[in-house]
Amino acid sequence: MLKLTEQYPTGSKNATKARDNWLAKSRYMHTEIHKYETYLDALRCAIALRVKKQGENKLDRSLRRSVGSLHMLNDGGGDGDDGRATPTAAGRL
């Protein structure tokens, strides 16, 4: 591929127009690259947030199970004070 300076005589209207077109295309490509990089950053942040949220949800479920187990141990596992049966570990899904 020939250089721009080799294709057109220096100072000609066509050389100026070709250079201006090249600069416009270059600016456009840089803008598109920036948009793409911004999009990738947004995806990375969303993925990190999702992973963090899933970890928090797992921790919450684990804590609820632990608290439920502690309540069963403290209550004696059978009927509660109000006469209703409390769920056992075998009855959980």
N, C-alpha and C. Protein backbone atom coordinates (compact mmCIF):
# COMPACT_ATOMS: atom_id res chain seq x y z
N MET A 1 0.84 -1.17 0.00
CA MET A 1 0.00 0.00 0.00
C MET A 1 0.89 1.23 0.00
N LEU A 2 0.55 2.17 -0.83
CA LEU A 2 1.34 3.39 -0.95
C LEU A 2 1.00 4.37 0.16
N LYS A 3 1.99 5.16 0.56
CA LYS A 3 1.75 6.21 1.53
C LYS A 3 0.92 7.30 0.87
N LEU A 4 0.25 8.06 1.72
CA LEU A 4 -0.59 9.14 1.22
C LEU A 4 0.25 10.16 0.45
N THR A 5 1.46 10.41 0.93
CA THR A 5 2.33 11.40 0.27
C THR A 5 2.82 10.89 -1.09
N GLU A 6 2.83 9.59 -1.29
CA GLU A 6 3.26 9.03 -2.57
C GLU A 6 2.12 8.99 -3.58
N GLN A 7 0.88 8.99 -3.11
CA GLN A 7 -0.26 8.90 -4.01
C GLN A 7 -0.64 10.25 -4.62
N TYR A 8 -0.42 11.32 -3.89
CA TYR A 8 -0.84 12.64 -4.35
C TYR A 8 0.33 13.60 -4.30
N PRO A 9 0.38 14.55 -5.21
CA PRO A 9 1.43 15.57 -5.15
C PRO A 9 1.23 16.46 -3.92
N THR A 10 2.32 16.88 -3.32
CA THR A 10 2.25 17.70 -2.12
C THR A 10 1.52 19.01 -2.40
N GLY A 11 0.58 19.34 -1.52
CA GLY A 11 -0.13 20.61 -1.64
C GLY A 11 -1.33 20.59 -2.58
N SER A 12 -1.62 19.45 -3.22
CA SER A 12 -2.76 19.41 -4.13
C SER A 12 -4.07 19.33 -3.34
N LYS A 13 -5.17 19.68 -4.02
CA LYS A 13 -6.48 19.61 -3.38
C LYS A 13 -6.83 18.17 -3.00
N ASN A 14 -6.48 17.23 -3.85
CA ASN A 14 -6.77 15.83 -3.56
C ASN A 14 -5.99 15.32 -2.35
N ALA A 15 -4.74 15.77 -2.20
CA ALA A 15 -3.93 15.37 -1.04
C ALA A 15 -4.56 15.92 0.24
N THR A 16 -5.00 17.17 0.18
CA THR A 16 -5.63 17.79 1.36
C THR A 16 -6.93 17.07 1.70
N LYS A 17 -7.73 16.77 0.68
CA LYS A 17 -8.99 16.08 0.91
C LYS A 17 -8.75 14.67 1.46
N ALA A 18 -7.77 13.95 0.91
CA ALA A 18 -7.45 12.60 1.38
C ALA A 18 -6.96 12.63 2.83
N ARG A 19 -6.13 13.63 3.17
CA ARG A 19 -5.63 13.76 4.54
C ARG A 19 -6.78 14.07 5.50
N ASP A 20 -7.67 14.97 5.11
CA ASP A 20 -8.83 15.30 5.95
C ASP A 20 -9.74 14.09 6.15
N ASN A 21 -9.94 13.32 5.08
CA ASN A 21 -10.75 12.11 5.19
C ASN A 21 -10.09 11.09 6.13
N TRP A 22 -8.79 10.96 6.02
CA TRP A 22 -8.06 10.02 6.88
C TRP A 22 -8.17 10.45 8.35
N LEU A 23 -8.03 11.76 8.61
CA LEU A 23 -8.14 12.26 9.98
C LEU A 23 -9.55 12.04 10.54
N ALA A 24 -10.57 12.26 9.71
CA ALA A 24 -11.95 12.04 10.16
C ALA A 24 -12.18 10.56 10.48
N LYS A 25 -11.68 9.68 9.61
CA LYS A 25 -11.83 8.25 9.85
C LYS A 25 -11.07 7.83 11.11
N SER A 26 -9.90 8.39 11.31
CA SER A 26 -9.10 8.08 12.49
C SER A 26 -9.83 8.52 13.76
N ARG A 27 -10.40 9.73 13.76
CA ARG A 27 -11.16 10.21 14.93
C ARG A 27 -12.36 9.31 15.18
N TYR A 28 -13.06 8.91 14.12
CA TYR A 28 -14.21 8.03 14.26
C TYR A 28 -13.80 6.69 14.87
N MET A 29 -12.70 6.12 14.39
CA MET A 29 -12.24 4.84 14.92
C MET A 29 -11.84 4.96 16.39
N HIS A 30 -11.20 6.04 16.76
CA HIS A 30 -10.83 6.24 18.17
C HIS A 30 -12.09 6.37 19.04
N THR A 31 -13.11 7.05 18.52
CA THR A 31 -14.37 7.17 19.25
C THR A 31 -15.01 5.80 19.44
N GLU A 32 -15.03 5.00 18.39
CA GLU A 32 -15.61 3.65 18.47
C GLU A 32 -14.83 2.76 19.44
N ILE A 33 -13.52 2.87 19.42
CA ILE A 33 -12.69 2.08 20.34
C ILE A 33 -13.00 2.49 21.78
N HIS A 34 -13.13 3.80 22.02
CA HIS A 34 -13.45 4.28 23.36
C HIS A 34 -14.82 3.76 23.81
N LYS A 35 -15.81 3.81 22.92
CA LYS A 35 -17.14 3.29 23.26
C LYS A 35 -17.07 1.80 23.60
N TYR A 36 -16.32 1.04 22.83
CA TYR A 36 -16.18 -0.40 23.05
C TYR A 36 -15.51 -0.67 24.40
N GLU A 37 -14.44 0.08 24.71
CA GLU A 37 -13.75 -0.10 25.98
C GLU A 37 -14.66 0.27 27.15
N THR A 38 -15.47 1.32 26.99
CA THR A 38 -16.43 1.69 28.03
C THR A 38 -17.46 0.58 28.23
N TYR A 39 -17.92 -0.01 27.14
CA TYR A 39 -18.87 -1.12 27.20
C TYR A 39 -18.26 -2.31 27.93
N LEU A 40 -17.00 -2.62 27.62
CA LEU A 40 -16.32 -3.73 28.30
C LEU A 40 -16.17 -3.46 29.80
N ASP A 41 -15.85 -2.22 30.15
CA ASP A 41 -15.74 -1.87 31.57
C ASP A 41 -17.08 -2.05 32.28
N ALA A 42 -18.16 -1.64 31.61
CA ALA A 42 -19.50 -1.79 32.20
C ALA A 42 -19.83 -3.26 32.40
N LEU A 43 -19.49 -4.10 31.41
CA LEU A 43 -19.73 -5.54 31.55
C LEU A 43 -18.92 -6.13 32.70
N ARG A 44 -17.66 -5.74 32.80
CA ARG A 44 -16.82 -6.24 33.90
C ARG A 44 -17.41 -5.86 35.26
N CYS A 45 -17.86 -4.61 35.38
CA CYS A 45 -18.45 -4.17 36.65
C CYS A 45 -19.73 -4.93 36.94
N ALA A 46 -20.55 -5.16 35.91
CA ALA A 46 -21.80 -5.90 36.12
C ALA A 46 -21.52 -7.34 36.55
N ILE A 47 -20.53 -7.96 35.94
CA ILE A 47 -20.18 -9.33 36.30
C ILE A 47 -19.66 -9.37 37.74
N ALA A 48 -18.80 -8.43 38.10
CA ALA A 48 -18.27 -8.39 39.46
C ALA A 48 -19.39 -8.17 40.47
N LEU A 49 -20.33 -7.29 40.14
CA LEU A 49 -21.46 -7.03 41.04
C LEU A 49 -22.33 -8.27 41.19
N ARG A 50 -22.55 -8.98 40.08
CA ARG A 50 -23.37 -10.20 40.13
C ARG A 50 -22.69 -11.26 41.00
N VAL A 51 -21.38 -11.43 40.82
CA VAL A 51 -20.65 -12.42 41.61
C VAL A 51 -20.71 -12.04 43.09
N LYS A 52 -20.53 -10.75 43.38
CA LYS A 52 -20.59 -10.30 44.78
C LYS A 52 -21.99 -10.54 45.35
N LYS A 53 -23.02 -10.22 44.59
CA LYS A 53 -24.39 -10.40 45.05
C LYS A 53 -24.70 -11.87 45.27
N GLN A 54 -24.25 -12.74 44.36
CA GLN A 54 -24.48 -14.17 44.53
C GLN A 54 -23.77 -14.68 45.78
N GLY A 55 -22.57 -14.17 46.04
CA GLY A 55 -21.86 -14.56 47.25
C GLY A 55 -22.59 -14.11 48.50
N GLU A 56 -23.16 -12.89 48.45
CA GLU A 56 -23.92 -12.39 49.59
C GLU A 56 -25.18 -13.24 49.80
N ASN A 57 -25.83 -13.60 48.70
CA ASN A 57 -27.03 -14.43 48.82
C ASN A 57 -26.70 -15.79 49.42
N LYS A 58 -25.59 -16.38 48.99
CA LYS A 58 -25.18 -17.68 49.56
C LYS A 58 -24.89 -17.54 51.04
N LEU A 59 -24.23 -16.45 51.40
CA LEU A 59 -23.92 -16.22 52.81
C LEU A 59 -25.21 -16.04 53.61
N ASP A 60 -26.16 -15.27 53.08
CA ASP A 60 -27.45 -15.08 53.76
C ASP A 60 -28.17 -16.41 53.96
N ARG A 61 -28.20 -17.24 52.90
CA ARG A 61 -28.87 -18.54 53.03
C ARG A 61 -28.19 -19.40 54.09
N SER A 62 -26.87 -19.37 54.09
CA SER A 62 -26.12 -20.16 55.07
C SER A 62 -26.40 -19.66 56.49
N LEU A 63 -26.44 -18.35 56.65
CA LEU A 63 -26.73 -17.80 57.98
C LEU A 63 -28.14 -18.12 58.42
N ARG A 64 -29.10 -18.05 57.50
CA ARG A 64 -30.49 -18.40 57.86
C ARG A 64 -30.57 -19.86 58.31
N ARG A 65 -29.86 -20.74 57.57
CA ARG A 65 -29.85 -22.15 57.97
C ARG A 65 -29.24 -22.32 59.35
N SER A 66 -28.14 -21.60 59.59
CA SER A 66 -27.46 -21.70 60.88
C SER A 66 -28.34 -21.18 62.00
N VAL A 67 -28.98 -20.05 61.77
CA VAL A 67 -29.87 -19.48 62.78
C VAL A 67 -31.04 -20.41 63.02
N GLY A 68 -31.59 -20.98 61.95
CA GLY A 68 -32.68 -21.94 62.10
C GLY A 68 -32.25 -23.15 62.91
N SER A 69 -31.05 -23.63 62.68
CA SER A 69 -30.54 -24.77 63.44
C SER A 69 -30.36 -24.41 64.90
N LEU A 70 -29.88 -23.21 65.17
CA LEU A 70 -29.70 -22.77 66.55
C LEU A 70 -31.05 -22.67 67.26
N HIS A 71 -32.05 -22.15 66.55
CA HIS A 71 -33.38 -22.05 67.15
C HIS A 71 -33.92 -23.45 67.48
N MET A 72 -33.70 -24.39 66.58
CA MET A 72 -34.18 -25.76 66.83
C MET A 72 -33.48 -26.34 68.06
N LEU A 73 -32.18 -26.08 68.19
CA LEU A 73 -31.45 -26.60 69.35
C LEU A 73 -31.93 -25.95 70.63
N ASN A 74 -32.18 -24.65 70.58
CA ASN A 74 -32.63 -23.94 71.77
C ASN A 74 -34.06 -24.33 72.15
N ASP A 75 -34.92 -24.59 71.17
CA ASP A 75 -36.32 -24.93 71.43
C ASP A 75 -36.49 -26.40 71.78
N GLY A 76 -35.54 -27.19 71.59
CA GLY A 76 -35.66 -28.61 71.86
C GLY A 76 -36.12 -29.38 70.64
N GLY A 77 -36.36 -28.70 69.53
CA GLY A 77 -36.67 -29.38 68.28
C GLY A 77 -38.10 -29.76 68.09
N GLY A 78 -38.94 -29.86 69.09
CA GLY A 78 -40.33 -30.33 68.93
C GLY A 78 -41.27 -29.18 68.73
N ASP A 79 -42.37 -29.24 69.52
CA ASP A 79 -43.35 -28.18 69.45
C ASP A 79 -42.78 -26.92 70.08
N GLY A 80 -43.16 -25.78 69.48
CA GLY A 80 -42.74 -24.50 70.03
C GLY A 80 -43.66 -24.10 71.16
N ASP A 81 -43.46 -22.91 71.69
CA ASP A 81 -44.29 -22.41 72.79
C ASP A 81 -45.73 -22.21 72.37
N ASP A 82 -45.96 -21.95 71.08
CA ASP A 82 -47.32 -21.68 70.62
C ASP A 82 -48.05 -22.94 70.18
N GLY A 83 -47.47 -24.10 70.34
CA GLY A 83 -48.13 -25.35 70.02
C GLY A 83 -47.95 -25.79 68.58
N ARG A 84 -47.33 -24.94 67.75
CA ARG A 84 -47.12 -25.35 66.36
C ARG A 84 -45.83 -26.17 66.27
N ALA A 85 -45.83 -27.10 65.37
CA ALA A 85 -44.63 -27.92 65.18
C ALA A 85 -43.59 -27.09 64.42
N THR A 86 -42.35 -27.18 64.85
CA THR A 86 -41.26 -26.50 64.13
C THR A 86 -40.67 -27.46 63.13
N PRO A 87 -40.23 -26.95 61.98
CA PRO A 87 -39.68 -27.85 60.95
C PRO A 87 -38.40 -28.52 61.43
N THR A 88 -38.24 -29.73 61.02
CA THR A 88 -37.01 -30.47 61.33
C THR A 88 -36.09 -30.43 60.14
N ALA A 89 -34.87 -30.81 60.33
CA ALA A 89 -33.90 -30.81 59.25
C ALA A 89 -34.33 -31.75 58.13
N ALA A 90 -34.98 -32.88 58.47
CA ALA A 90 -35.41 -33.83 57.47
C ALA A 90 -36.58 -33.27 56.66
N GLY A 91 -37.36 -32.36 57.25
CA GLY A 91 -38.53 -31.81 56.57
C GLY A 91 -38.20 -30.66 55.65
N ARG A 92 -36.98 -30.20 55.66
CA ARG A 92 -36.58 -29.07 54.79
C ARG A 92 -36.22 -29.58 53.41
N LEU A 93 -36.35 -28.67 52.43
CA LEU A 93 -35.96 -29.00 51.06
C LEU A 93 -34.59 -28.52 50.77
